[in-house]
Amino acid sequence: MARRRTKAKTTRSPSTSAELPPIDKAAAAKVCGFFPDVLRHSKGAIAGQPFTLLPWQQKVLSELFGRLNPDGSRLRRLGYIEVPKKQGKSTLLAGLALYLLTSDNEPGAEIYGAAADRVFALG
C-alpha cells in the first residue's frame, strides 16, 4: 500500500511590502541602538570603539525586530542572512545573541549558536 503524503500546514509572512505592517521605529531603534551603546569591538585597530552597525546590518535588524503583529509581538521569528565572507556576519550574530540574552525581555529566552563544521565553530 502506498503511503499518502500530506502537506504540512505552514504559516507564512506576507510576501510583498504592500502586505507588511510598517516598521515600528522604536522597536527597530531599540535593537539597533544596543550595538553602539553597549557593545565595543575587542580586536584589531578598532578595539575599544563602539560597534557601529553597517547599513545592511541595520536593515536586517529593523526587518526582524521592527515588523510587529497587532499584539506587539514580532512578525518574524526566523531570519536568514547570506552575505560574502568578511562582511560582519559573525560579529553581528554575536552581538545579537547578547541583545537577545540581556535586553529583549523575553521570559525563558534560549540562545543557541551553531556552525557548519568544527573549524568555523572554534573560529
PDB file of N, CA and C in Angstrom:
ATOM      1  N   MET A   1       0.838  -1.162   0.000  1.00  0.00           N
ATOM      2  CA  MET A   1       0.000   0.000   0.000  1.00  0.00           C
ATOM      3  C   MET A   1       0.899   1.246   0.000  1.00  0.00           C
ATOM      4  N   ALA A   2       0.624   2.174  -0.869  1.00  0.00           N
ATOM      5  CA  ALA A   2       1.413   3.400  -0.963  1.00  0.00           C
ATOM      6  C   ALA A   2       1.045   4.338   0.179  1.00  0.00           C
ATOM      7  N   ARG A   3       2.059   4.995   0.699  1.00  0.00           N
ATOM      8  CA  ARG A   3       1.808   5.963   1.763  1.00  0.00           C
ATOM      9  C   ARG A   3       1.333   7.267   1.162  1.00  0.00           C
ATOM     10  N   ARG A   4       0.370   7.843   1.776  1.00  0.00           N
ATOM     11  CA  ARG A   4      -0.164   9.112   1.314  1.00  0.00           C
ATOM     12  C   ARG A   4       0.642  10.246   1.929  1.00  0.00           C
ATOM     13  N   ARG A   5       1.104  11.134   1.088  1.00  0.00           N
ATOM     14  CA  ARG A   5       1.859  12.287   1.581  1.00  0.00           C
ATOM     15  C   ARG A   5       0.882  13.391   1.938  1.00  0.00           C
ATOM     16  N   THR A   6       1.066  13.928   3.090  1.00  0.00           N
ATOM     17  CA  THR A   6       0.224  15.052   3.496  1.00  0.00           C
ATOM     18  C   THR A   6       1.081  16.291   3.553  1.00  0.00           C
ATOM     19  N   LYS A   7       0.485  17.373   3.213  1.00  0.00           N
ATOM     20  CA  LYS A   7       1.192  18.642   3.212  1.00  0.00           C
ATOM     21  C   LYS A   7       1.098  19.268   4.600  1.00  0.00           C
ATOM     22  N   ALA A   8       2.235  19.612   5.144  1.00  0.00           N
ATOM     23  CA  ALA A   8       2.250  20.250   6.458  1.00  0.00           C
ATOM     24  C   ALA A   8       1.681  21.657   6.359  1.00  0.00           C
ATOM     25  N   LYS A   9       0.943  22.028   7.391  1.00  0.00           N
ATOM     26  CA  LYS A   9       0.417  23.392   7.431  1.00  0.00           C
ATOM     27  C   LYS A   9       1.560  24.338   7.768  1.00  0.00           C
ATOM     28  N   THR A  10       1.664  25.397   7.024  1.00  0.00           N
ATOM     29  CA  THR A  10       2.703  26.388   7.303  1.00  0.00           C
ATOM     30  C   THR A  10       2.069  27.750   7.449  1.00  0.00           C
ATOM     31  N   THR A  11       2.693  28.551   8.253  1.00  0.00           N
ATOM     32  CA  THR A  11       2.268  29.931   8.400  1.00  0.00           C
ATOM     33  C   THR A  11       3.308  30.776   7.699  1.00  0.00           C
ATOM     34  N   ARG A  12       2.886  31.577   6.767  1.00  0.00           N
ATOM     35  CA  ARG A  12       3.824  32.396   6.011  1.00  0.00           C
ATOM     36  C   ARG A  12       3.609  33.861   6.323  1.00  0.00           C
ATOM     37  N   SER A  13       4.701  34.575   6.365  1.00  0.00           N
ATOM     38  CA  SER A  13       4.622  36.020   6.481  1.00  0.00           C
ATOM     39  C   SER A  13       4.149  36.561   5.145  1.00  0.00           C
ATOM     40  N   PRO A  14       3.495  37.702   5.152  1.00  0.00           N
ATOM     41  CA  PRO A  14       3.121  38.305   3.875  1.00  0.00           C
ATOM     42  C   PRO A  14       4.360  38.488   3.012  1.00  0.00           C
ATOM     43  N   SER A  15       4.212  38.284   1.706  1.00  0.00           N
ATOM     44  CA  SER A  15       5.393  38.276   0.845  1.00  0.00           C
ATOM     45  C   SER A  15       5.687  39.612   0.175  1.00  0.00           C
ATOM     46  N   THR A  16       4.741  40.485   0.105  1.00  0.00           N
ATOM     47  CA  THR A  16       5.015  41.764  -0.540  1.00  0.00           C
ATOM     48  C   THR A  16       4.991  42.881   0.490  1.00  0.00           C
ATOM     49  N   SER A  17       5.737  43.928   0.207  1.00  0.00           N
ATOM     50  CA  SER A  17       5.818  45.025   1.167  1.00  0.00           C
ATOM     51  C   SER A  17       4.474  45.719   1.351  1.00  0.00           C
ATOM     52  N   ALA A  18       3.580  45.633   0.365  1.00  0.00           N
ATOM     53  CA  ALA A  18       2.259  46.245   0.497  1.00  0.00           C
ATOM     54  C   ALA A  18       1.444  45.543   1.581  1.00  0.00           C
ATOM     55  N   GLU A  19       1.738  44.263   1.837  1.00  0.00           N
ATOM     56  CA  GLU A  19       1.003  43.495   2.824  1.00  0.00           C
ATOM     57  C   GLU A  19       1.646  43.548   4.205  1.00  0.00           C
ATOM     58  N   LEU A  20       2.867  44.036   4.292  1.00  0.00           N
ATOM     59  CA  LEU A  20       3.591  44.057   5.557  1.00  0.00           C
ATOM     60  C   LEU A  20       3.200  45.263   6.396  1.00  0.00           C
ATOM     61  N   PRO A  21       3.187  45.085   7.725  1.00  0.00           N
ATOM     62  CA  PRO A  21       2.987  46.259   8.567  1.00  0.00           C
ATOM     63  C   PRO A  21       4.230  47.145   8.481  1.00  0.00           C
ATOM     64  N   PRO A  22       4.084  48.423   8.723  1.00  0.00           N
ATOM     65  CA  PRO A  22       5.255  49.306   8.686  1.00  0.00           C
ATOM     66  C   PRO A  22       6.227  48.945   9.811  1.00  0.00           C
ATOM     67  N   ILE A  23       7.472  49.321   9.627  1.00  0.00           N
ATOM     68  CA  ILE A  23       8.481  49.070  10.665  1.00  0.00           C
ATOM     69  C   ILE A  23       8.215  50.008  11.838  1.00  0.00           C
ATOM     70  N   ASP A  24       8.131  49.441  13.011  1.00  0.00           N
ATOM     71  CA  ASP A  24       7.979  50.214  14.236  1.00  0.00           C
ATOM     72  C   ASP A  24       9.346  50.809  14.558  1.00  0.00           C
ATOM     73  N   LYS A  25       9.464  52.104  14.411  1.00  0.00           N
ATOM     74  CA  LYS A  25      10.772  52.762  14.553  1.00  0.00           C
ATOM     75  C   LYS A  25      11.359  52.604  15.959  1.00  0.00           C
ATOM     76  N   ALA A  26      10.507  52.601  16.979  1.00  0.00           N
ATOM     77  CA  ALA A  26      11.016  52.452  18.350  1.00  0.00           C
ATOM     78  C   ALA A  26      11.586  51.049  18.568  1.00  0.00           C
ATOM     79  N   ALA A  27      10.901  50.025  18.052  1.00  0.00           N
ATOM     80  CA  ALA A  27      11.382  48.651  18.208  1.00  0.00           C
ATOM     81  C   ALA A  27      12.689  48.449  17.443  1.00  0.00           C
ATOM     82  N   ALA A  28      12.769  49.008  16.236  1.00  0.00           N
ATOM     83  CA  ALA A  28      13.996  48.893  15.439  1.00  0.00           C
ATOM     84  C   ALA A  28      15.137  49.665  16.100  1.00  0.00           C
ATOM     85  N   ALA A  29      14.835  50.851  16.618  1.00  0.00           N
ATOM     86  CA  ALA A  29      15.863  51.675  17.258  1.00  0.00           C
ATOM     87  C   ALA A  29      16.402  51.017  18.525  1.00  0.00           C
ATOM     88  N   LYS A  30      15.541  50.266  19.228  1.00  0.00           N
ATOM     89  CA  LYS A  30      15.994  49.611  20.458  1.00  0.00           C
ATOM     90  C   LYS A  30      17.102  48.606  20.155  1.00  0.00           C
ATOM     91  N   VAL A  31      16.881  47.746  19.172  1.00  0.00           N
ATOM     92  CA  VAL A  31      17.892  46.734  18.864  1.00  0.00           C
ATOM     93  C   VAL A  31      19.098  47.361  18.171  1.00  0.00           C
ATOM     94  N   CYS A  32      18.869  48.283  17.245  1.00  0.00           N
ATOM     95  CA  CYS A  32      19.994  48.912  16.533  1.00  0.00           C
ATOM     96  C   CYS A  32      20.830  49.791  17.470  1.00  0.00           C
ATOM     97  N   GLY A  33      20.193  50.406  18.452  1.00  0.00           N
ATOM     98  CA  GLY A  33      20.906  51.248  19.409  1.00  0.00           C
ATOM     99  C   GLY A  33      21.719  50.455  20.418  1.00  0.00           C
ATOM    100  N   PHE A  34      21.310  49.218  20.672  1.00  0.00           N
ATOM    101  CA  PHE A  34      22.031  48.367  21.621  1.00  0.00           C
ATOM    102  C   PHE A  34      23.487  48.195  21.211  1.00  0.00           C
ATOM    103  N   PHE A  35      23.724  48.040  19.921  1.00  0.00           N
ATOM    104  CA  PHE A  35      25.079  47.740  19.446  1.00  0.00           C
ATOM    105  C   PHE A  35      26.067  48.865  19.753  1.00  0.00           C
ATOM    106  N   PRO A  36      25.848  50.117  19.307  1.00  0.00           N
ATOM    107  CA  PRO A  36      26.844  51.158  19.632  1.00  0.00           C
ATOM    108  C   PRO A  36      26.793  51.624  21.084  1.00  0.00           C
ATOM    109  N   ASP A  37      25.619  51.507  21.733  1.00  0.00           N
ATOM    110  CA  ASP A  37      25.503  51.976  23.111  1.00  0.00           C
ATOM    111  C   ASP A  37      26.154  51.035  24.118  1.00  0.00           C
ATOM    112  N   VAL A  38      26.112  49.732  23.846  1.00  0.00           N
ATOM    113  CA  VAL A  38      26.551  48.742  24.829  1.00  0.00           C
ATOM    114  C   VAL A  38      27.811  47.994  24.401  1.00  0.00           C
ATOM    115  N   LEU A  39      27.910  47.673  23.124  1.00  0.00           N
ATOM    116  CA  LEU A  39      28.988  46.797  22.665  1.00  0.00           C
ATOM    117  C   LEU A  39      30.205  47.572  22.163  1.00  0.00           C
ATOM    118  N   ARG A  40      31.390  47.003  22.401  1.00  0.00           N
ATOM    119  CA  ARG A  40      32.654  47.559  21.930  1.00  0.00           C
ATOM    120  C   ARG A  40      33.421  46.462  21.201  1.00  0.00           C
ATOM    121  N   HIS A  41      34.122  46.853  20.158  1.00  0.00           N
ATOM    122  CA  HIS A  41      34.978  45.900  19.455  1.00  0.00           C
ATOM    123  C   HIS A  41      36.108  45.489  20.387  1.00  0.00           C
ATOM    124  N   SER A  42      36.545  44.233  20.259  1.00  0.00           N
ATOM    125  CA  SER A  42      37.566  43.723  21.175  1.00  0.00           C
ATOM    126  C   SER A  42      38.895  43.409  20.504  1.00  0.00           C
ATOM    127  N   LYS A  43      38.956  43.475  19.178  1.00  0.00           N
ATOM    128  CA  LYS A  43      40.191  43.097  18.488  1.00  0.00           C
ATOM    129  C   LYS A  43      40.545  44.106  17.400  1.00  0.00           C
ATOM    130  N   GLY A  44      41.814  44.100  17.041  1.00  0.00           N
ATOM    131  CA  GLY A  44      42.280  44.862  15.897  1.00  0.00           C
ATOM    132  C   GLY A  44      42.388  46.353  16.131  1.00  0.00           C
ATOM    133  N   ALA A  45      42.491  47.083  15.029  1.00  0.00           N
ATOM    134  CA  ALA A  45      42.683  48.535  15.078  1.00  0.00           C
ATOM    135  C   ALA A  45      41.492  49.258  15.687  1.00  0.00           C
ATOM    136  N   ILE A  46      40.316  48.638  15.655  1.00  0.00           N
ATOM    137  CA  ILE A  46      39.112  49.307  16.188  1.00  0.00           C
ATOM    138  C   ILE A  46      38.753  48.824  17.591  1.00  0.00           C
ATOM    139  N   ALA A  47      39.650  48.106  18.246  1.00  0.00           N
ATOM    140  CA  ALA A  47      39.399  47.631  19.610  1.00  0.00           C
ATOM    141  C   ALA A  47      39.039  48.794  20.517  1.00  0.00           C
ATOM    142  N   GLY A  48      37.982  48.613  21.289  1.00  0.00           N
ATOM    143  CA  GLY A  48      37.521  49.641  22.222  1.00  0.00           C
ATOM    144  C   GLY A  48      36.522  50.609  21.632  1.00  0.00           C
ATOM    145  N   GLN A  49      36.386  50.632  20.315  1.00  0.00           N
ATOM    146  CA  GLN A  49      35.432  51.545  19.679  1.00  0.00           C
ATOM    147  C   GLN A  49      34.028  50.946  19.691  1.00  0.00           C
ATOM    148  N   PRO A  50      32.997  51.798  19.703  1.00  0.00           N
ATOM    149  CA  PRO A  50      31.618  51.298  19.681  1.00  0.00           C
ATOM    150  C   PRO A  50      31.345  50.469  18.422  1.00  0.00           C
ATOM    151  N   PHE A  51      30.464  49.507  18.557  1.00  0.00           N
ATOM    152  CA  PHE A  51      30.052  48.652  17.448  1.00  0.00           C
ATOM    153  C   PHE A  51      29.004  49.421  16.641  1.00  0.00           C
ATOM    154  N   THR A  52      29.466  50.080  15.604  1.00  0.00           N
ATOM    155  CA  THR A  52      28.560  50.816  14.717  1.00  0.00           C
ATOM    156  C   THR A  52      28.089  49.859  13.627  1.00  0.00           C
ATOM    157  N   LEU A  53      26.776  49.730  13.499  1.00  0.00           N
ATOM    158  CA  LEU A  53      26.218  48.810  12.505  1.00  0.00           C
ATOM    159  C   LEU A  53      26.412  49.339  11.091  1.00  0.00           C
ATOM    160  N   LEU A  54      26.691  48.425  10.184  1.00  0.00           N
ATOM    161  CA  LEU A  54      26.727  48.753   8.762  1.00  0.00           C
ATOM    162  C   LEU A  54      25.294  48.909   8.265  1.00  0.00           C
ATOM    163  N   PRO A  55      25.078  49.634   7.163  1.00  0.00           N
ATOM    164  CA  PRO A  55      23.702  49.826   6.670  1.00  0.00           C
ATOM    165  C   PRO A  55      22.936  48.520   6.454  1.00  0.00           C
ATOM    166  N   TRP A  56      23.591  47.490   5.904  1.00  0.00           N
ATOM    167  CA  TRP A  56      22.867  46.238   5.676  1.00  0.00           C
ATOM    168  C   TRP A  56      22.486  45.582   6.993  1.00  0.00           C
ATOM    169  N   GLN A  57      23.326  45.745   8.028  1.00  0.00           N
ATOM    170  CA  GLN A  57      23.029  45.167   9.329  1.00  0.00           C
ATOM    171  C   GLN A  57      21.829  45.876   9.973  1.00  0.00           C
ATOM    172  N   GLN A  58      21.785  47.201   9.843  1.00  0.00           N
ATOM    173  CA  GLN A  58      20.639  47.957  10.358  1.00  0.00           C
ATOM    174  C   GLN A  58      19.352  47.531   9.672  1.00  0.00           C
ATOM    175  N   LYS A  59      19.420  47.335   8.356  1.00  0.00           N
ATOM    176  CA  LYS A  59      18.226  46.936   7.612  1.00  0.00           C
ATOM    177  C   LYS A  59      17.726  45.568   8.055  1.00  0.00           C
ATOM    178  N   VAL A  60      18.642  44.607   8.206  1.00  0.00           N
ATOM    179  CA  VAL A  60      18.254  43.257   8.633  1.00  0.00           C
ATOM    180  C   VAL A  60      17.623  43.303  10.030  1.00  0.00           C
ATOM    181  N   LEU A  61      18.264  43.979  10.965  1.00  0.00           N
ATOM    182  CA  LEU A  61      17.727  44.047  12.326  1.00  0.00           C
ATOM    183  C   LEU A  61      16.401  44.787  12.377  1.00  0.00           C
ATOM    184  N   SER A  62      16.260  45.839  11.579  1.00  0.00           N
ATOM    185  CA  SER A  62      14.993  46.576  11.534  1.00  0.00           C
ATOM    186  C   SER A  62      13.869  45.700  10.985  1.00  0.00           C
ATOM    187  N   GLU A  63      14.164  44.908   9.970  1.00  0.00           N
ATOM    188  CA  GLU A  63      13.156  44.000   9.408  1.00  0.00           C
ATOM    189  C   GLU A  63      12.764  42.921  10.415  1.00  0.00           C
ATOM    190  N   LEU A  64      13.749  42.344  11.104  1.00  0.00           N
ATOM    191  CA  LEU A  64      13.458  41.265  12.046  1.00  0.00           C
ATOM    192  C   LEU A  64      12.767  41.749  13.314  1.00  0.00           C
ATOM    193  N   PHE A  65      13.203  42.879  13.851  1.00  0.00           N
ATOM    194  CA  PHE A  65      12.690  43.339  15.141  1.00  0.00           C
ATOM    195  C   PHE A  65      11.676  44.470  15.037  1.00  0.00           C
ATOM    196  N   GLY A  66      11.592  45.131  13.891  1.00  0.00           N
ATOM    197  CA  GLY A  66      10.702  46.278  13.754  1.00  0.00           C
ATOM    198  C   GLY A  66       9.337  45.973  13.162  1.00  0.00           C
ATOM    199  N   ARG A  67       9.180  44.847  12.499  1.00  0.00           N
ATOM    200  CA  ARG A  67       7.869  44.467  11.944  1.00  0.00           C
ATOM    201  C   ARG A  67       7.101  43.729  13.037  1.00  0.00           C
ATOM    202  N   LEU A  68       6.026  44.345  13.504  1.00  0.00           N
ATOM    203  CA  LEU A  68       5.281  43.801  14.637  1.00  0.00           C
ATOM    204  C   LEU A  68       3.863  43.399  14.237  1.00  0.00           C
ATOM    205  N   ASN A  69       3.365  42.369  14.896  1.00  0.00           N
ATOM    206  CA  ASN A  69       1.965  41.968  14.768  1.00  0.00           C
ATOM    207  C   ASN A  69       1.112  42.963  15.540  1.00  0.00           C
ATOM    208  N   PRO A  70      -0.203  42.971  15.326  1.00  0.00           N
ATOM    209  CA  PRO A  70      -1.065  43.895  16.072  1.00  0.00           C
ATOM    210  C   PRO A  70      -0.950  43.756  17.591  1.00  0.00           C
ATOM    211  N   ASP A  71      -0.602  42.559  18.089  1.00  0.00           N
ATOM    212  CA  ASP A  71      -0.470  42.373  19.535  1.00  0.00           C
ATOM    213  C   ASP A  71       0.895  42.816  20.079  1.00  0.00           C
ATOM    214  N   GLY A  72       1.781  43.323  19.196  1.00  0.00           N
ATOM    215  CA  GLY A  72       3.094  43.804  19.614  1.00  0.00           C
ATOM    216  C   GLY A  72       4.192  42.769  19.536  1.00  0.00           C
ATOM    217  N   SER A  73       3.851  41.529  19.229  1.00  0.00           N
ATOM    218  CA  SER A  73       4.881  40.500  19.069  1.00  0.00           C
ATOM    219  C   SER A  73       5.556  40.666  17.714  1.00  0.00           C
ATOM    220  N   ARG A  74       6.768  40.126  17.582  1.00  0.00           N
ATOM    221  CA  ARG A  74       7.479  40.235  16.311  1.00  0.00           C
ATOM    222  C   ARG A  74       6.786  39.426  15.225  1.00  0.00           C
ATOM    223  N   LEU A  75       6.681  40.003  14.047  1.00  0.00           N
ATOM    224  CA  LEU A  75       6.103  39.306  12.907  1.00  0.00           C
ATOM    225  C   LEU A  75       6.996  38.152  12.486  1.00  0.00           C
ATOM    226  N   ARG A  76       8.288  38.403  12.471  1.00  0.00           N
ATOM    227  CA  ARG A  76       9.249  37.394  12.027  1.00  0.00           C
ATOM    228  C   ARG A  76       9.954  36.791  13.231  1.00  0.00           C
ATOM    229  N   ARG A  77       9.973  35.471  13.282  1.00  0.00           N
ATOM    230  CA  ARG A  77      10.649  34.767  14.367  1.00  0.00           C
ATOM    231  C   ARG A  77      11.904  34.062  13.883  1.00  0.00           C
ATOM    232  N   LEU A  78      12.176  34.157  12.598  1.00  0.00           N
ATOM    233  CA  LEU A  78      13.295  33.454  11.999  1.00  0.00           C
ATOM    234  C   LEU A  78      13.896  34.345  10.926  1.00  0.00           C
ATOM    235  N   GLY A  79      15.208  34.381  10.853  1.00  0.00           N
ATOM    236  CA  GLY A  79      15.879  35.169   9.826  1.00  0.00           C
ATOM    237  C   GLY A  79      16.967  34.363   9.154  1.00  0.00           C
ATOM    238  N   TYR A  80      17.278  34.723   7.940  1.00  0.00           N
ATOM    239  CA  TYR A  80      18.337  34.055   7.177  1.00  0.00           C
ATOM    240  C   TYR A  80      19.207  35.148   6.571  1.00  0.00           C
ATOM    241  N   ILE A  81      20.493  35.096   6.868  1.00  0.00           N
ATOM    242  CA  ILE A  81      21.434  36.104   6.370  1.00  0.00           C
ATOM    243  C   ILE A  81      22.475  35.407   5.512  1.00  0.00           C
ATOM    244  N   GLU A  82      22.649  35.893   4.305  1.00  0.00           N
ATOM    245  CA  GLU A  82      23.670  35.336   3.420  1.00  0.00           C
ATOM    246  C   GLU A  82      24.388  36.483   2.728  1.00  0.00           C
ATOM    247  N   VAL A  83      25.618  36.720   3.147  1.00  0.00           N
ATOM    248  CA  VAL A  83      26.470  37.732   2.537  1.00  0.00           C
ATOM    249  C   VAL A  83      27.875  37.134   2.425  1.00  0.00           C
ATOM    250  N   PRO A  84      28.735  37.718   1.586  1.00  0.00           N
ATOM    251  CA  PRO A  84      30.086  37.165   1.407  1.00  0.00           C
ATOM    252  C   PRO A  84      30.919  37.191   2.688  1.00  0.00           C
ATOM    253  N   LYS A  85      32.049  36.511   2.632  1.00  0.00           N
ATOM    254  CA  LYS A  85      32.994  36.477   3.749  1.00  0.00           C
ATOM    255  C   LYS A  85      33.434  37.886   4.135  1.00  0.00           C
ATOM    256  N   LYS A  86      33.787  38.018   5.412  1.00  0.00           N
ATOM    257  CA  LYS A  86      34.373  39.257   5.954  1.00  0.00           C
ATOM    258  C   LYS A  86      33.439  40.462   5.848  1.00  0.00           C
ATOM    259  N   GLN A  87      32.130  40.222   5.980  1.00  0.00           N
ATOM    260  CA  GLN A  87      31.165  41.317   5.926  1.00  0.00           C
ATOM    261  C   GLN A  87      30.506  41.586   7.278  1.00  0.00           C
ATOM    262  N   GLY A  88      30.951  40.901   8.320  1.00  0.00           N
ATOM    263  CA  GLY A  88      30.457  41.184   9.665  1.00  0.00           C
ATOM    264  C   GLY A  88      29.322  40.301  10.148  1.00  0.00           C
ATOM    265  N   LYS A  89      29.127  39.153   9.530  1.00  0.00           N
ATOM    266  CA  LYS A  89      28.037  38.257   9.958  1.00  0.00           C
ATOM    267  C   LYS A  89      28.265  37.743  11.373  1.00  0.00           C
ATOM    268  N   SER A  90      29.439  37.192  11.629  1.00  0.00           N
ATOM    269  CA  SER A  90      29.709  36.575  12.929  1.00  0.00           C
ATOM    270  C   SER A  90      29.645  37.594  14.051  1.00  0.00           C
ATOM    271  N   THR A  91      30.211  38.761  13.828  1.00  0.00           N
ATOM    272  CA  THR A  91      30.195  39.814  14.842  1.00  0.00           C
ATOM    273  C   THR A  91      28.762  40.264  15.101  1.00  0.00           C
ATOM    274  N   LEU A  92      27.990  40.421  14.040  1.00  0.00           N
ATOM    275  CA  LEU A  92      26.585  40.814  14.181  1.00  0.00           C
ATOM    276  C   LEU A  92      25.828  39.763  14.996  1.00  0.00           C
ATOM    277  N   LEU A  93      26.005  38.511  14.671  1.00  0.00           N
ATOM    278  CA  LEU A  93      25.261  37.458  15.363  1.00  0.00           C
ATOM    279  C   LEU A  93      25.697  37.314  16.815  1.00  0.00           C
ATOM    280  N   ALA A  94      26.973  37.534  17.106  1.00  0.00           N
ATOM    281  CA  ALA A  94      27.427  37.505  18.498  1.00  0.00           C
ATOM    282  C   ALA A  94      26.753  38.639  19.285  1.00  0.00           C
ATOM    283  N   GLY A  95      26.712  39.826  18.698  1.00  0.00           N
ATOM    284  CA  GLY A  95      26.045  40.955  19.345  1.00  0.00           C
ATOM    285  C   GLY A  95      24.548  40.717  19.486  1.00  0.00           C
ATOM    286  N   LEU A  96      23.947  40.105  18.486  1.00  0.00           N
ATOM    287  CA  LEU A  96      22.521  39.820  18.527  1.00  0.00           C
ATOM    288  C   LEU A  96      22.208  38.805  19.632  1.00  0.00           C
ATOM    289  N   ALA A  97      23.068  37.804  19.802  1.00  0.00           N
ATOM    290  CA  ALA A  97      22.880  36.833  20.884  1.00  0.00           C
ATOM    291  C   ALA A  97      22.921  37.542  22.240  1.00  0.00           C
ATOM    292  N   LEU A  98      23.852  38.492  22.400  1.00  0.00           N
ATOM    293  CA  LEU A  98      23.925  39.253  23.653  1.00  0.00           C
ATOM    294  C   LEU A  98      22.674  40.097  23.859  1.00  0.00           C
ATOM    295  N   TYR A  99      22.183  40.713  22.787  1.00  0.00           N
ATOM    296  CA  TYR A  99      20.957  41.507  22.882  1.00  0.00           C
ATOM    297  C   TYR A  99      19.784  40.630  23.321  1.00  0.00           C
ATOM    298  N   LEU A 100      19.623  39.486  22.667  1.00  0.00           N
ATOM    299  CA  LEU A 100      18.508  38.602  22.990  1.00  0.00           C
ATOM    300  C   LEU A 100      18.605  38.071  24.417  1.00  0.00           C
ATOM    301  N   LEU A 101      19.820  37.837  24.883  1.00  0.00           N
ATOM    302  CA  LEU A 101      20.028  37.312  26.226  1.00  0.00           C
ATOM    303  C   LEU A 101      19.778  38.363  27.303  1.00  0.00           C
ATOM    304  N   THR A 102      20.152  39.614  27.019  1.00  0.00           N
ATOM    305  CA  THR A 102      20.116  40.634  28.071  1.00  0.00           C
ATOM    306  C   THR A 102      19.038  41.699  27.930  1.00  0.00           C
ATOM    307  N   SER A 103      18.571  41.975  26.724  1.00  0.00           N
ATOM    308  CA  SER A 103      17.745  43.172  26.539  1.00  0.00           C
ATOM    309  C   SER A 103      16.417  42.959  25.831  1.00  0.00           C
ATOM    310  N   ASP A 104      16.110  41.752  25.421  1.00  0.00           N
ATOM    311  CA  ASP A 104      14.894  41.518  24.647  1.00  0.00           C
ATOM    312  C   ASP A 104      13.652  41.349  25.514  1.00  0.00           C
ATOM    313  N   ASN A 105      13.835  41.139  26.806  1.00  0.00           N
ATOM    314  CA  ASN A 105      12.718  40.983  27.747  1.00  0.00           C
ATOM    315  C   ASN A 105      11.774  39.840  27.391  1.00  0.00           C
ATOM    316  N   GLU A 106      12.317  38.753  26.860  1.00  0.00           N
ATOM    317  CA  GLU A 106      11.500  37.572  26.594  1.00  0.00           C
ATOM    318  C   GLU A 106      11.759  36.562  27.696  1.00  0.00           C
ATOM    319  N   PRO A 107      10.732  36.241  28.490  1.00  0.00           N
ATOM    320  CA  PRO A 107      10.928  35.284  29.588  1.00  0.00           C
ATOM    321  C   PRO A 107      11.371  33.917  29.065  1.00  0.00           C
ATOM    322  N   GLY A 108      12.350  33.334  29.716  1.00  0.00           N
ATOM    323  CA  GLY A 108      12.810  31.999  29.357  1.00  0.00           C
ATOM    324  C   GLY A 108      13.496  31.910  28.015  1.00  0.00           C
ATOM    325  N   ALA A 109      14.058  33.011  27.543  1.00  0.00           N
ATOM    326  CA  ALA A 109      14.718  33.006  26.233  1.00  0.00           C
ATOM    327  C   ALA A 109      15.881  32.022  26.224  1.00  0.00           C
ATOM    328  N   GLU A 110      16.042  31.337  25.107  1.00  0.00           N
ATOM    329  CA  GLU A 110      17.159  30.419  24.915  1.00  0.00           C
ATOM    330  C   GLU A 110      17.889  30.839  23.648  1.00  0.00           C
ATOM    331  N   ILE A 111      19.200  30.975  23.736  1.00  0.00           N
ATOM    332  CA  ILE A 111      20.005  31.418  22.606  1.00  0.00           C
ATOM    333  C   ILE A 111      20.975  30.297  22.260  1.00  0.00           C
ATOM    334  N   TYR A 112      20.977  29.901  20.992  1.00  0.00           N
ATOM    335  CA  TYR A 112      21.850  28.836  20.520  1.00  0.00           C
ATOM    336  C   TYR A 112      22.708  29.366  19.382  1.00  0.00           C
ATOM    337  N   GLY A 113      23.932  28.878  19.293  1.00  0.00           N
ATOM    338  CA  GLY A 113      24.802  29.181  18.171  1.00  0.00           C
ATOM    339  C   GLY A 113      25.260  27.869  17.553  1.00  0.00           C
ATOM    340  N   ALA A 114      25.379  27.856  16.258  1.00  0.00           N
ATOM    341  CA  ALA A 114      25.805  26.630  15.557  1.00  0.00           C
ATOM    342  C   ALA A 114      26.709  27.003  14.392  1.00  0.00           C
ATOM    343  N   ALA A 115      27.541  26.064  13.984  1.00  0.00           N
ATOM    344  CA  ALA A 115      28.422  26.270  12.849  1.00  0.00           C
ATOM    345  C   ALA A 115      28.347  25.050  11.936  1.00  0.00           C
ATOM    346  N   ALA A 116      28.715  25.251  10.680  1.00  0.00           N
ATOM    347  CA  ALA A 116      28.656  24.170   9.695  1.00  0.00           C
ATOM    348  C   ALA A 116      29.689  23.075   9.974  1.00  0.00           C
ATOM    349  N   ASP A 117      30.835  23.461  10.498  1.00  0.00           N
ATOM    350  CA  ASP A 117      31.830  22.450  10.866  1.00  0.00           C
ATOM    351  C   ASP A 117      32.700  22.944  12.017  1.00  0.00           C
ATOM    352  N   ARG A 118      33.534  22.086  12.528  1.00  0.00           N
ATOM    353  CA  ARG A 118      34.340  22.369  13.719  1.00  0.00           C
ATOM    354  C   ARG A 118      35.277  23.571  13.545  1.00  0.00           C
ATOM    355  N   VAL A 119      35.846  23.728  12.365  1.00  0.00           N
ATOM    356  CA  VAL A 119      36.780  24.835  12.110  1.00  0.00           C
ATOM    357  C   VAL A 119      36.069  26.178  12.337  1.00  0.00           C
ATOM    358  N   PHE A 120      34.846  26.298  11.823  1.00  0.00           N
ATOM    359  CA  PHE A 120      34.097  27.542  11.989  1.00  0.00           C
ATOM    360  C   PHE A 120      33.633  27.707  13.428  1.00  0.00           C
ATOM    361  N   ALA A 121      33.279  26.629  14.064  1.00  0.00           N
ATOM    362  CA  ALA A 121      32.795  26.691  15.443  1.00  0.00           C
ATOM    363  C   ALA A 121      33.886  27.178  16.399  1.00  0.00           C
ATOM    364  N   LEU A 122      35.127  26.799  16.143  1.00  0.00           N
ATOM    365  CA  LEU A 122      36.223  27.181  17.035  1.00  0.00           C
ATOM    366  C   LEU A 122      36.847  28.507  16.623  1.00  0.00           C
ATOM    367  N   GLY A 123      36.505  28.981  15.435  1.00  0.00           N
ATOM    368  CA  GLY A 123      36.856  30.196  14.831  1.00  0.00           C
ATOM    369  C   GLY A 123      37.936  31.027  15.129  1.00  0.00           C
TER     370      GLY A 123
END
